[in-house]
């Protein structure tokens, strides 16, 4: 993968977040995701809940530009023995595909499936897990060209991109392709707390910075989560980016956000 500066990547993520928030249907979001992925150096993407392939299920995300022949193999398998998906169910952190054997031990069927994926050009990539309480496991996978290597400096941006790309797809899917995000605004204090969370600060550090008690900080964060209808702080940050409440340019330490928020 060609060398890329992190600052243009942040600008791209800001632009993508705004466009994804305004997308009115999944085909439009798919186009935006493909364009942004290419700007980050990836040719393929797959945003999926880990359920049976080829079966239409309400509320389940399945948005991809993987090769059609490979998707046919996955549909025929129902639930393909994909080690990338299994690894994504066992970690909360994004990972390069070359690291998969450090997360799960591959079965013979998974080895064969990996070989099939390689024959379709899916060799080098990065996967971002998504774990939403009450929903099936999910992930966003980004595939590079077979002859390219991942630039480690761009992976934090890929991680952040995957998180709010999936959240945008999830919102559209849950609304039957007809949803615009409700205009729920965060309070000033909620936004203050969230911007510091996005920089990797603990509740104690945020409390000291804002002159609050840690319990009060947590109450502001929990209220913001309820306002957006999300279950984790990572989802809260993704929603705030999608809705324009936060911008990457506002963050002193964007890598802390992109690496994931607990």
Protein backbone atom coordinates (compact mmCIF):
# COMPACT_ATOMS: atom_id res chain seq x y z
CA UNK A 1 0.00 0.00 0.00
CA UNK A 2 1.38 3.42 -0.89
CA UNK A 3 2.57 5.62 1.97
CA UNK A 4 -0.11 8.00 3.18
CA UNK A 5 -0.13 10.92 5.60
CA UNK A 6 -2.49 10.66 8.56
CA UNK A 7 -3.84 14.22 8.24
CA UNK A 8 -5.37 13.75 4.74
CA UNK A 9 -6.88 10.55 6.11
CA UNK A 10 -8.54 12.53 8.91
CA UNK A 11 -9.98 15.00 6.40
CA UNK A 12 -11.29 12.07 4.34
CA UNK A 13 -12.94 10.56 7.41
CA UNK A 14 -14.63 13.85 8.24
CA UNK A 15 -15.98 14.09 4.70
CA UNK A 16 -17.12 10.47 4.72
CA UNK A 17 -18.88 10.84 8.07
CA UNK A 18 -20.88 13.81 6.78
CA UNK A 19 -21.78 12.07 3.52
CA UNK A 20 -22.67 8.78 5.22
CA UNK A 21 -24.94 10.58 7.66
CA UNK A 22 -26.79 12.17 4.73
CA UNK A 23 -27.09 8.92 2.72
CA UNK A 24 -30.74 8.02 2.21
CA UNK A 25 -30.32 4.40 1.12
CA UNK A 26 -27.88 1.50 1.18
CA UNK A 27 -26.78 1.71 -2.50
CA UNK A 28 -25.74 5.31 -1.90
CA UNK A 29 -23.87 4.33 1.26
CA UNK A 30 -22.20 1.46 -0.61
CA UNK A 31 -20.94 3.88 -3.26
CA UNK A 32 -19.63 6.30 -0.63
CA UNK A 33 -17.96 3.49 1.30
CA UNK A 34 -16.24 2.14 -1.81
CA UNK A 35 -14.95 5.57 -2.77
CA UNK A 36 -13.63 6.32 0.72
CA UNK A 37 -12.08 2.86 1.05
CA UNK A 38 -10.16 3.40 -2.18
CA UNK A 39 -8.88 6.73 -0.89
CA UNK A 40 -7.56 4.89 2.16
CA UNK A 41 -5.84 2.36 -0.12
CA UNK A 42 -8.37 -0.49 -0.06
CA UNK A 43 -10.16 -1.95 -3.08
CA UNK A 44 -12.74 -4.17 -1.37
CA UNK A 45 -15.03 -3.90 1.62
CA UNK A 46 -17.58 -6.08 3.41
CA UNK A 47 -19.84 -4.84 6.22
CA UNK A 48 -21.76 -7.82 7.55
CA UNK A 49 -23.56 -9.27 10.51
CA UNK A 50 -22.28 -12.82 10.97
CA UNK A 51 -25.41 -14.72 10.00
CA UNK A 52 -26.36 -17.13 7.25
CA UNK A 53 -25.39 -15.70 3.86
CA UNK A 54 -27.97 -15.49 1.09
CA UNK A 55 -30.96 -15.32 3.46
CA UNK A 56 -32.71 -11.96 3.63
CA UNK A 57 -33.16 -11.04 7.30
CA UNK A 58 -34.72 -7.78 8.50
CA UNK A 59 -32.28 -5.55 10.34
CA UNK A 60 -29.19 -7.51 9.25
CA UNK A 61 -26.36 -5.61 7.56
CA UNK A 62 -24.81 -7.16 4.45
CA UNK A 63 -23.10 -4.56 2.27
CA UNK A 64 -20.08 -5.50 0.16
CA UNK A 65 -18.22 -5.10 -3.11
CA UNK A 66 -16.38 -8.42 -2.80
CA UNK A 67 -16.00 -10.36 -6.10
CA UNK A 68 -19.31 -11.82 -7.22
CA UNK A 69 -17.88 -15.33 -7.68
CA UNK A 70 -16.53 -15.34 -4.13
CA UNK A 71 -19.89 -14.17 -2.77
CA UNK A 72 -21.53 -17.07 -4.60
CA UNK A 73 -19.19 -19.47 -2.76
CA UNK A 74 -20.19 -17.86 0.54
CA UNK A 75 -23.90 -18.12 -0.27
CA UNK A 76 -23.54 -21.79 -1.18
CA UNK A 77 -21.82 -22.42 2.15
CA UNK A 78 -24.57 -20.67 4.12
CA UNK A 79 -22.26 -19.74 6.97
CA UNK A 80 -18.80 -19.93 5.35
CA UNK A 81 -15.90 -21.24 7.47
CA UNK A 82 -14.21 -17.84 7.35
CA UNK A 83 -11.41 -17.50 9.94
CA UNK A 84 -11.56 -13.70 9.65
CA UNK A 85 -15.16 -13.66 10.85
CA UNK A 86 -14.38 -16.09 13.68
CA UNK A 87 -11.42 -14.00 14.77
CA UNK A 88 -13.60 -10.87 14.73
CA UNK A 89 -15.94 -12.57 17.19
CA UNK A 90 -13.06 -13.11 19.62
CA UNK A 91 -11.55 -9.64 19.82
CA UNK A 92 -12.74 -6.06 20.17
CA UNK A 93 -9.73 -4.65 18.33
CA UNK A 94 -9.17 -4.28 14.61
CA UNK A 95 -6.59 -6.63 13.13
CA UNK A 96 -4.64 -7.18 9.92
CA UNK A 97 -5.54 -10.44 8.20
CA UNK A 98 -1.97 -11.68 8.51
CA UNK A 99 -2.49 -11.71 12.31
CA UNK A 100 -5.52 -13.99 12.25
CA UNK A 101 -3.60 -17.07 13.38
CA UNK A 102 -2.57 -15.20 16.50
CA UNK A 103 -6.26 -14.86 17.41
CA UNK A 104 -7.74 -18.21 16.37
CA UNK A 105 -6.33 -21.59 15.42
CA UNK A 106 -7.44 -22.35 11.87
CA UNK A 107 -9.29 -25.58 11.12
CA UNK A 108 -8.65 -27.45 7.85
CA UNK A 109 -11.95 -26.08 6.46
CA UNK A 110 -10.89 -22.54 7.35
CA UNK A 111 -7.51 -23.07 5.68
CA UNK A 112 -9.30 -24.16 2.51
CA UNK A 113 -11.65 -21.18 2.68
CA UNK A 114 -8.69 -18.84 3.06
CA UNK A 115 -7.24 -20.39 -0.07
CA UNK A 116 -10.48 -19.76 -1.96
CA UNK A 117 -10.47 -16.13 -0.79
CA UNK A 118 -6.86 -15.75 -1.95
CA UNK A 119 -7.76 -17.03 -5.42
CA UNK A 120 -10.32 -14.22 -5.60
CA UNK A 121 -7.77 -11.60 -4.63
CA UNK A 122 -8.66 -11.38 -0.92
CA UNK A 123 -5.22 -11.82 0.59
CA UNK A 124 -4.22 -8.64 2.40
CA UNK A 125 -6.64 -6.62 4.49
CA UNK A 126 -7.88 -5.28 7.80
CA UNK A 127 -10.99 -6.17 9.81
CA UNK A 128 -12.85 -4.10 12.42
CA UNK A 129 -15.12 -6.11 14.77
CA UNK A 130 -18.48 -4.72 15.90
CA UNK A 131 -20.24 -6.02 19.00
CA UNK A 132 -23.65 -4.49 19.73
CA UNK A 133 -25.58 -5.98 22.68
CA UNK A 134 -28.64 -7.91 21.50
CA UNK A 135 -27.41 -8.22 17.88
CA UNK A 136 -25.40 -10.89 16.03
CA UNK A 137 -21.63 -10.39 15.87
CA UNK A 138 -20.56 -8.19 12.98
CA UNK A 139 -17.49 -6.81 11.28
CA UNK A 140 -16.17 -4.53 8.58
CA UNK A 141 -13.40 -5.97 6.41
CA UNK A 142 -11.27 -3.89 4.04
CA UNK A 143 -9.27 -5.69 1.37
CA UNK A 144 -6.20 -4.28 -0.36
CA UNK A 145 -4.89 -5.26 -3.76
CA UNK A 146 -3.12 -8.67 -3.60
CA UNK A 147 0.29 -7.17 -4.45
CA UNK A 148 0.15 -4.44 -1.81
CA UNK A 149 1.16 -4.37 1.82
CA UNK A 150 -0.70 -2.52 4.55
CA UNK A 151 0.86 0.71 5.74
CA UNK A 152 0.65 0.48 9.57
CA UNK A 153 0.22 4.23 9.81
CA UNK A 154 -3.12 4.13 8.01
CA UNK A 155 -4.63 1.31 10.09
CA UNK A 156 -5.96 3.56 12.90
CA UNK A 157 -7.84 5.55 10.25
CA UNK A 158 -9.13 2.30 8.73
CA UNK A 159 -10.33 1.27 12.18
CA UNK A 160 -12.29 4.48 12.69
CA UNK A 161 -13.64 4.33 9.13
CA UNK A 162 -14.92 0.79 9.68
CA UNK A 163 -16.63 1.70 12.94
CA UNK A 164 -18.77 4.52 11.69
CA UNK A 165 -19.30 3.02 8.22
CA UNK A 166 -20.90 0.03 9.91
CA UNK A 167 -22.98 2.26 12.19
CA UNK A 168 -24.30 4.15 9.15
CA UNK A 169 -25.21 0.85 7.45
CA UNK A 170 -26.80 -0.41 10.65
CA UNK A 171 -28.99 2.68 10.98
CA UNK A 172 -30.17 2.50 7.37
CA UNK A 173 -30.81 -1.24 7.56
CA UNK A 174 -32.83 -0.99 10.76
CA UNK A 175 -34.98 1.68 9.15
CA UNK A 176 -35.63 -0.29 5.96
CA UNK A 177 -33.47 2.05 3.85
CA UNK A 178 -35.66 5.03 4.71
CA UNK A 179 -34.15 6.63 7.76
CA UNK A 180 -32.53 9.97 8.35
CA UNK A 181 -30.88 10.26 11.73
CA UNK A 182 -33.04 12.06 14.32
CA UNK A 183 -31.69 15.48 15.23
CA UNK A 184 -30.83 14.60 18.81
CA UNK A 185 -28.25 17.12 19.99
CA UNK A 186 -25.82 16.55 22.82
CA UNK A 187 -25.62 19.04 25.64
CA UNK A 188 -22.49 21.17 25.87
CA UNK A 189 -21.26 19.20 28.88
CA UNK A 190 -21.97 15.84 27.17
CA UNK A 191 -19.98 17.03 24.17
CA UNK A 192 -17.10 18.16 26.40
CA UNK A 193 -16.95 14.74 28.05
CA UNK A 194 -17.21 12.88 24.74
CA UNK A 195 -14.44 14.86 23.07
CA UNK A 196 -12.10 13.91 25.91
CA UNK A 197 -13.22 10.27 25.80
CA UNK A 198 -12.38 10.29 22.09
CA UNK A 199 -8.86 11.40 23.04
CA UNK A 200 -8.49 8.34 25.26
CA UNK A 201 -9.03 10.06 28.61
CA UNK A 202 -10.40 8.19 31.61
CA UNK A 203 -13.41 9.40 33.61
CA UNK A 204 -11.03 10.46 36.39
CA UNK A 205 -8.88 12.50 34.00
CA UNK A 206 -11.97 14.07 32.42
CA UNK A 207 -13.35 14.94 35.84
CA UNK A 208 -10.11 16.66 36.79
CA UNK A 209 -10.01 18.59 33.50
CA UNK A 210 -13.64 19.76 33.72
CA UNK A 211 -13.88 20.25 37.47
CA UNK A 212 -16.42 17.47 37.92
CA UNK A 213 -16.65 14.23 39.87
CA UNK A 214 -15.94 10.99 37.95
CA UNK A 215 -19.46 9.82 38.73
CA UNK A 216 -20.87 12.99 37.13
CA UNK A 217 -18.75 12.40 34.02
CA UNK A 218 -20.14 8.87 33.74
CA UNK A 219 -23.69 10.19 34.13
CA UNK A 220 -23.16 12.64 31.25
CA UNK A 221 -21.79 9.83 29.06
CA UNK A 222 -24.63 7.45 29.92
CA UNK A 223 -27.18 10.18 29.15
CA UNK A 224 -25.55 10.75 25.76
CA UNK A 225 -25.66 7.01 25.03
CA UNK A 226 -29.37 6.93 25.85
CA UNK A 227 -29.97 9.96 23.65
CA UNK A 228 -28.37 8.22 20.67
CA UNK A 229 -29.69 4.75 21.53
CA UNK A 230 -26.26 3.07 21.62
CA UNK A 231 -24.72 0.63 24.08
CA UNK A 232 -20.99 1.40 24.10
CA UNK A 233 -18.70 4.40 24.16
CA UNK A 234 -17.18 3.44 20.81
CA UNK A 235 -20.66 3.53 19.23
CA UNK A 236 -21.31 6.86 20.92
CA UNK A 237 -18.17 8.36 19.38
CA UNK A 238 -19.11 6.94 15.96
CA UNK A 239 -22.60 8.44 16.23
CA UNK A 240 -21.20 11.83 17.26
CA UNK A 241 -18.92 11.81 14.21
CA UNK A 242 -21.74 10.79 11.90
CA UNK A 243 -23.97 13.54 13.25
CA UNK A 244 -21.32 16.24 13.19
CA UNK A 245 -21.17 16.65 16.98
CA UNK A 246 -17.46 15.73 16.81
CA UNK A 247 -14.92 16.24 14.04
CA UNK A 248 -11.54 14.60 13.68
CA UNK A 249 -9.97 18.05 13.37
CA UNK A 250 -11.18 18.80 16.92
CA UNK A 251 -9.12 15.98 18.43
CA UNK A 252 -5.63 16.57 19.81
CA UNK A 253 -4.82 12.85 19.61
CA UNK A 254 -6.86 11.25 16.79
CA UNK A 255 -4.93 7.98 17.07
CA UNK A 256 -6.41 7.44 20.54
CA UNK A 257 -9.90 7.56 19.05
CA UNK A 258 -9.08 5.46 16.01
CA UNK A 259 -7.54 2.70 18.08
CA UNK A 260 -10.94 2.18 19.72
CA UNK A 261 -12.75 3.52 22.76
CA UNK A 262 -13.62 1.09 25.54
